[in-house]
């Protein structure tokens, strides 16, 4: 399968894509850290505070969390991961349309990629991210919660409040970030298939989809002081926003946005021929 991967000249591939699963693009590869003894355990149904108005949460989300990002994680992204940002002109040209909120989509390829997207879109503006629920009961609880993560309910009874939370945050003009590949594969070069949830959101709200893609550079020079030489440094590129046509049927527009976002992100990642299609195999089998 990966013999067909073709990249543009100068595109760096840190690890052989054949080392990753080839039969299931949504297989979980990142283990959830076990919670500390006595740590609070959430149940992700209708009882979970998807919109948390508690004083403690607001202090952490609006003061302590941002300070941690600005003082620790943002510099870490620049030094350890060599973050470079390209294509911000696409955001400036669409400033008016983006002011009312947008759905950003990006490939899911390293621990701080959500922060990488936030640094690209806005250091100050909140983003909200649907996330794998098990992380909220694991060792990364504090980070995922205060970076803007909202757990995807493990029980259907929680879906109404989950959807209401994203409607609420979008109504305030804030950004929603979705990793449509669904699971994280560290330092993976091809763009994997996309779930359609992000594009359904964009159609529902009539807001732009902002495609972003993370690609890699060989670790050189001073960056060798901040990370192992086999770990790449990263570049994130911003594509031209995509606007849904809400006068057309939802299913038709959702599929168009998914296909066009996938094509855009393949190009932004420096890939000439990508081995994965936009739609996951399990969705294709269901349709057929």
Protein backbone atom coordinates (compact mmCIF):
# COMPACT_ATOMS: atom_id res chain seq x y z
CA UNK A 1 0.00 0.00 0.00
CA UNK A 2 2.67 2.52 1.02
CA UNK A 3 4.77 1.86 -2.05
CA UNK A 4 2.26 4.26 -3.65
CA UNK A 5 3.04 7.13 -1.28
CA UNK A 6 4.58 9.98 -3.27
CA UNK A 7 5.70 13.25 -1.71
CA UNK A 8 6.82 16.57 -3.07
CA UNK A 9 10.53 17.27 -3.33
CA UNK A 10 11.86 18.34 0.06
CA UNK A 11 9.08 16.67 2.07
CA UNK A 12 10.64 14.83 5.02
CA UNK A 13 9.28 11.44 6.14
CA UNK A 14 10.58 10.75 9.69
CA UNK A 15 9.45 7.13 9.95
CA UNK A 16 8.55 4.50 7.37
CA UNK A 17 4.73 4.60 7.01
CA UNK A 18 4.77 0.80 6.59
CA UNK A 19 5.60 0.53 10.32
CA UNK A 20 2.08 1.75 11.14
CA UNK A 21 -1.17 -0.25 10.78
CA UNK A 22 -2.20 -0.69 7.17
CA UNK A 23 -5.60 -2.29 7.73
CA UNK A 24 -7.30 0.12 10.14
CA UNK A 25 -6.63 3.87 10.04
CA UNK A 26 -8.61 4.42 13.27
CA UNK A 27 -6.68 1.98 15.47
CA UNK A 28 -5.63 3.50 18.79
CA UNK A 29 -1.83 3.60 19.10
CA UNK A 30 -1.46 5.97 22.07
CA UNK A 31 -1.98 4.36 25.46
CA UNK A 32 -4.01 6.25 28.03
CA UNK A 33 -1.95 6.93 31.15
CA UNK A 34 -3.40 5.29 34.24
CA UNK A 35 -5.00 7.74 36.72
CA UNK A 36 -3.34 8.40 40.04
CA UNK A 37 -4.67 6.49 43.03
CA UNK A 38 -7.71 8.21 44.44
CA UNK A 39 -8.17 10.46 41.40
CA UNK A 40 -11.71 11.47 40.53
CA UNK A 41 -13.36 9.24 37.93
CA UNK A 42 -15.94 10.75 35.59
CA UNK A 43 -18.90 9.03 33.97
CA UNK A 44 -19.47 10.35 30.47
CA UNK A 45 -23.24 10.42 30.22
CA UNK A 46 -25.82 13.20 30.71
CA UNK A 47 -24.41 13.91 34.20
CA UNK A 48 -21.02 15.17 32.93
CA UNK A 49 -20.61 19.01 32.91
CA UNK A 50 -20.04 19.53 29.17
CA UNK A 51 -20.58 23.24 29.85
CA UNK A 52 -18.77 23.70 33.15
CA UNK A 53 -19.71 26.97 34.88
CA UNK A 54 -18.05 26.16 38.19
CA UNK A 55 -15.71 28.79 39.64
CA UNK A 56 -12.84 26.31 39.86
CA UNK A 57 -13.08 25.38 36.20
CA UNK A 58 -13.36 29.00 35.05
CA UNK A 59 -10.27 29.99 37.03
CA UNK A 60 -8.29 27.10 35.59
CA UNK A 61 -9.58 27.54 32.04
CA UNK A 62 -9.23 31.32 31.88
CA UNK A 63 -6.20 32.03 34.07
CA UNK A 64 -4.09 29.06 35.18
CA UNK A 65 -4.46 27.06 31.95
CA UNK A 66 -3.49 29.97 29.65
CA UNK A 67 -0.51 30.83 31.86
CA UNK A 68 0.67 27.22 31.60
CA UNK A 69 0.31 27.36 27.81
CA UNK A 70 2.05 30.72 27.39
CA UNK A 71 4.89 30.04 29.82
CA UNK A 72 5.51 26.32 29.20
CA UNK A 73 3.79 24.69 26.23
CA UNK A 74 4.08 27.46 23.62
CA UNK A 75 7.86 27.82 24.18
CA UNK A 76 8.18 24.01 24.26
CA UNK A 77 6.47 23.80 20.87
CA UNK A 78 8.94 26.33 19.47
CA UNK A 79 12.09 24.88 21.04
CA UNK A 80 11.57 21.12 21.32
CA UNK A 81 9.39 20.71 18.24
CA UNK A 82 10.76 23.60 16.17
CA UNK A 83 7.27 24.84 15.32
CA UNK A 84 6.98 26.93 12.16
CA UNK A 85 3.69 28.42 10.98
CA UNK A 86 2.92 29.10 7.32
CA UNK A 87 -0.16 30.41 5.53
CA UNK A 88 -1.60 32.77 8.13
CA UNK A 89 -2.49 35.10 5.27
CA UNK A 90 -5.45 32.80 4.58
CA UNK A 91 -6.78 33.64 8.04
CA UNK A 92 -6.34 37.38 7.53
CA UNK A 93 -8.15 37.31 4.19
CA UNK A 94 -11.10 35.51 5.81
CA UNK A 95 -11.08 37.56 9.02
CA UNK A 96 -14.68 38.69 8.61
CA UNK A 97 -16.05 35.18 8.02
CA UNK A 98 -13.92 33.66 10.81
CA UNK A 99 -14.99 36.26 13.36
CA UNK A 100 -18.21 34.35 14.01
CA UNK A 101 -16.42 31.07 14.67
CA UNK A 102 -15.04 28.24 12.55
CA UNK A 103 -14.30 24.53 12.54
CA UNK A 104 -10.58 23.83 12.21
CA UNK A 105 -9.40 20.40 11.04
CA UNK A 106 -5.86 19.06 11.31
CA UNK A 107 -3.98 15.77 11.16
CA UNK A 108 -3.43 14.21 14.60
CA UNK A 109 0.29 13.46 14.85
CA UNK A 110 1.91 14.47 18.15
CA UNK A 111 1.17 15.29 21.79
CA UNK A 112 0.92 19.07 21.43
CA UNK A 113 -0.73 19.30 18.01
CA UNK A 114 -3.88 20.86 19.52
CA UNK A 115 -1.73 23.60 21.04
CA UNK A 116 0.04 23.93 17.70
CA UNK A 117 -3.33 24.69 16.06
CA UNK A 118 -4.21 27.15 18.82
CA UNK A 119 -0.90 28.97 18.35
CA UNK A 120 -1.70 29.19 14.64
CA UNK A 121 -5.30 30.41 14.93
CA UNK A 122 -5.02 32.63 17.99
CA UNK A 123 -2.90 32.65 21.14
CA UNK A 124 -5.72 34.34 23.07
CA UNK A 125 -8.95 32.93 21.70
CA UNK A 126 -10.41 29.75 23.19
CA UNK A 127 -10.67 26.57 21.17
CA UNK A 128 -12.90 23.61 22.04
CA UNK A 129 -12.00 20.08 21.05
CA UNK A 130 -14.04 16.85 21.05
CA UNK A 131 -11.71 14.26 22.62
CA UNK A 132 -11.51 10.56 23.43
CA UNK A 133 -13.26 10.26 26.80
CA UNK A 134 -10.76 7.86 28.39
CA UNK A 135 -8.11 10.62 28.48
CA UNK A 136 -10.25 12.50 31.02
CA UNK A 137 -9.91 9.70 33.53
CA UNK A 138 -6.23 9.16 32.77
CA UNK A 139 -2.94 10.79 33.65
CA UNK A 140 -3.47 13.60 31.12
CA UNK A 141 -6.71 14.78 32.73
CA UNK A 142 -5.58 18.29 33.63
CA UNK A 143 -4.00 19.05 30.27
CA UNK A 144 -6.82 17.79 28.03
CA UNK A 145 -9.50 19.43 30.16
CA UNK A 146 -7.93 22.88 30.32
CA UNK A 147 -6.65 23.01 26.76
CA UNK A 148 -10.33 22.92 25.78
CA UNK A 149 -11.14 19.23 25.52
CA UNK A 150 -14.74 18.06 25.80
CA UNK A 151 -15.12 14.26 26.08
CA UNK A 152 -17.15 12.42 23.46
CA UNK A 153 -19.85 10.65 25.54
CA UNK A 154 -19.41 6.95 26.08
CA UNK A 155 -23.18 6.65 26.54
CA UNK A 156 -25.78 7.93 24.07
CA UNK A 157 -27.59 9.67 26.92
CA UNK A 158 -24.82 12.28 26.96
CA UNK A 159 -24.96 13.22 23.28
CA UNK A 160 -27.63 15.91 23.63
CA UNK A 161 -25.64 17.86 26.22
CA UNK A 162 -22.41 17.29 24.27
CA UNK A 163 -24.00 18.80 21.15
CA UNK A 164 -25.48 21.66 23.18
CA UNK A 165 -22.02 22.50 24.53
CA UNK A 166 -20.53 22.93 21.07
CA UNK A 167 -23.56 24.92 19.90
CA UNK A 168 -23.04 27.19 22.91
CA UNK A 169 -19.33 27.78 22.32
CA UNK A 170 -19.83 28.33 18.60
CA UNK A 171 -22.55 30.88 19.34
CA UNK A 172 -19.88 32.89 21.19
CA UNK A 173 -17.72 32.99 18.06
CA UNK A 174 -15.10 30.59 19.42
CA UNK A 175 -13.18 28.04 17.37
CA UNK A 176 -13.87 24.33 17.37
CA UNK A 177 -10.94 22.04 16.56
CA UNK A 178 -11.63 18.54 15.29
CA UNK A 179 -9.05 15.89 14.45
CA UNK A 180 -11.08 14.09 11.77
CA UNK A 181 -8.60 11.20 11.62
CA UNK A 182 -10.06 10.36 15.06
CA UNK A 183 -6.94 8.88 16.70
CA UNK A 184 -3.34 10.03 17.08
CA UNK A 185 -0.49 8.41 15.15
CA UNK A 186 2.75 10.09 16.15
CA UNK A 187 4.91 11.42 13.27
CA UNK A 188 2.83 9.75 10.57
CA UNK A 189 3.20 11.32 7.14
CA UNK A 190 0.13 10.29 5.03
CA UNK A 191 -3.24 11.90 5.73
CA UNK A 192 -5.65 9.24 7.00
CA UNK A 193 -9.42 9.01 6.29
CA UNK A 194 -11.78 11.48 7.96
CA UNK A 195 -14.86 11.02 10.10
CA UNK A 196 -17.60 13.39 8.98
CA UNK A 197 -18.48 15.01 12.32
CA UNK A 198 -16.44 18.18 11.75
CA UNK A 199 -18.12 18.83 8.43
CA UNK A 200 -21.58 18.14 9.82
CA UNK A 201 -20.87 20.80 12.47
CA UNK A 202 -19.76 23.32 9.84
CA UNK A 203 -22.90 22.72 7.78
CA UNK A 204 -25.14 23.01 10.85
CA UNK A 205 -23.60 26.35 11.83
CA UNK A 206 -22.98 27.64 8.30
CA UNK A 207 -19.39 28.48 9.23
CA UNK A 208 -16.00 28.02 7.50
CA UNK A 209 -13.87 24.89 7.71
CA UNK A 210 -10.19 25.79 8.12
CA UNK A 211 -7.88 22.98 6.89
CA UNK A 212 -4.45 22.78 8.52
CA UNK A 213 -1.74 20.17 8.06
CA UNK A 214 1.35 19.34 10.07
CA UNK A 215 4.42 18.17 8.18
CA UNK A 216 7.97 17.49 9.32
CA UNK A 217 11.55 18.64 9.00
CA UNK A 218 14.74 16.82 9.90
CA UNK A 219 16.05 17.92 13.30
CA UNK A 220 19.17 20.00 12.73
CA UNK A 221 21.32 22.69 14.31
CA UNK A 222 20.27 24.11 17.68
CA UNK A 223 17.12 21.95 17.71
CA UNK A 224 19.42 18.98 18.43
CA UNK A 225 19.85 20.48 21.92
CA UNK A 226 16.13 20.19 22.71
CA UNK A 227 15.18 16.75 21.42
CA UNK A 228 16.51 13.42 20.12
CA UNK A 229 17.79 13.53 16.54
CA UNK A 230 15.27 10.91 15.38
CA UNK A 231 12.34 13.13 16.47
CA UNK A 232 11.38 15.55 13.67
CA UNK A 233 10.57 19.21 13.99
CA UNK A 234 7.20 20.42 12.71
CA UNK A 235 5.69 22.88 10.28
CA UNK A 236 1.97 23.67 10.28
CA UNK A 237 0.39 25.15 7.18
CA UNK A 238 -2.99 26.87 6.92
CA UNK A 239 -5.12 26.29 3.84
CA UNK A 240 -7.85 28.38 2.27
CA UNK A 241 -11.05 28.11 4.35
CA UNK A 242 -13.94 26.12 2.86
CA UNK A 243 -17.48 27.46 3.12
CA UNK A 244 -20.55 25.17 3.27
CA UNK A 245 -23.47 25.88 0.96
CA UNK A 246 -26.41 25.47 3.31
CA UNK A 247 -28.91 25.78 0.43
CA UNK A 248 -27.83 22.30 -0.67
CA UNK A 249 -28.69 19.01 1.08
CA UNK A 250 -26.72 18.34 4.26
CA UNK A 251 -25.35 14.94 3.20
CA UNK A 252 -24.16 16.25 -0.15
CA UNK A 253 -22.40 19.26 1.36
CA UNK A 254 -20.91 17.28 4.23
CA UNK A 255 -19.31 14.87 1.78
CA UNK A 256 -18.04 17.72 -0.41
CA UNK A 257 -16.43 19.45 2.56
CA UNK A 258 -14.85 16.21 3.74
CA UNK A 259 -13.40 15.45 0.30
CA UNK A 260 -12.13 18.99 -0.31
CA UNK A 261 -10.61 19.30 3.17
CA UNK A 262 -8.83 15.97 2.75
CA UNK A 263 -7.46 17.00 -0.65
CA UNK A 264 -6.32 20.36 0.74
CA UNK A 265 -4.55 18.77 3.71
CA UNK A 266 -2.79 16.23 1.49
CA UNK A 267 -1.41 19.13 -0.54
CA UNK A 268 -0.50 21.17 2.55
CA UNK A 269 1.43 18.19 3.97
CA UNK A 270 3.59 18.03 0.84
CA UNK A 271 2.08 14.79 -0.48
CA UNK A 272 1.66 14.19 -4.19
CA UNK A 273 -0.12 10.81 -3.92
CA UNK A 274 -1.76 9.79 -0.64
CA UNK A 275 -2.43 6.09 0.11
CA UNK A 276 -5.65 6.68 2.09
CA UNK A 277 -8.94 7.91 0.66
CA UNK A 278 -11.04 10.56 2.42
CA UNK A 279 -13.78 8.17 3.63
CA UNK A 280 -12.95 5.38 6.16
CA UNK A 281 -13.38 1.80 5.01
CA UNK A 282 -16.03 1.02 7.62
CA UNK A 283 -18.23 3.86 6.32
CA UNK A 284 -17.82 2.66 2.75
CA UNK A 285 -18.82 -0.87 3.75
CA UNK A 286 -21.91 0.44 5.55
CA UNK A 287 -22.95 2.45 2.49
CA UNK A 288 -22.47 -0.53 0.24
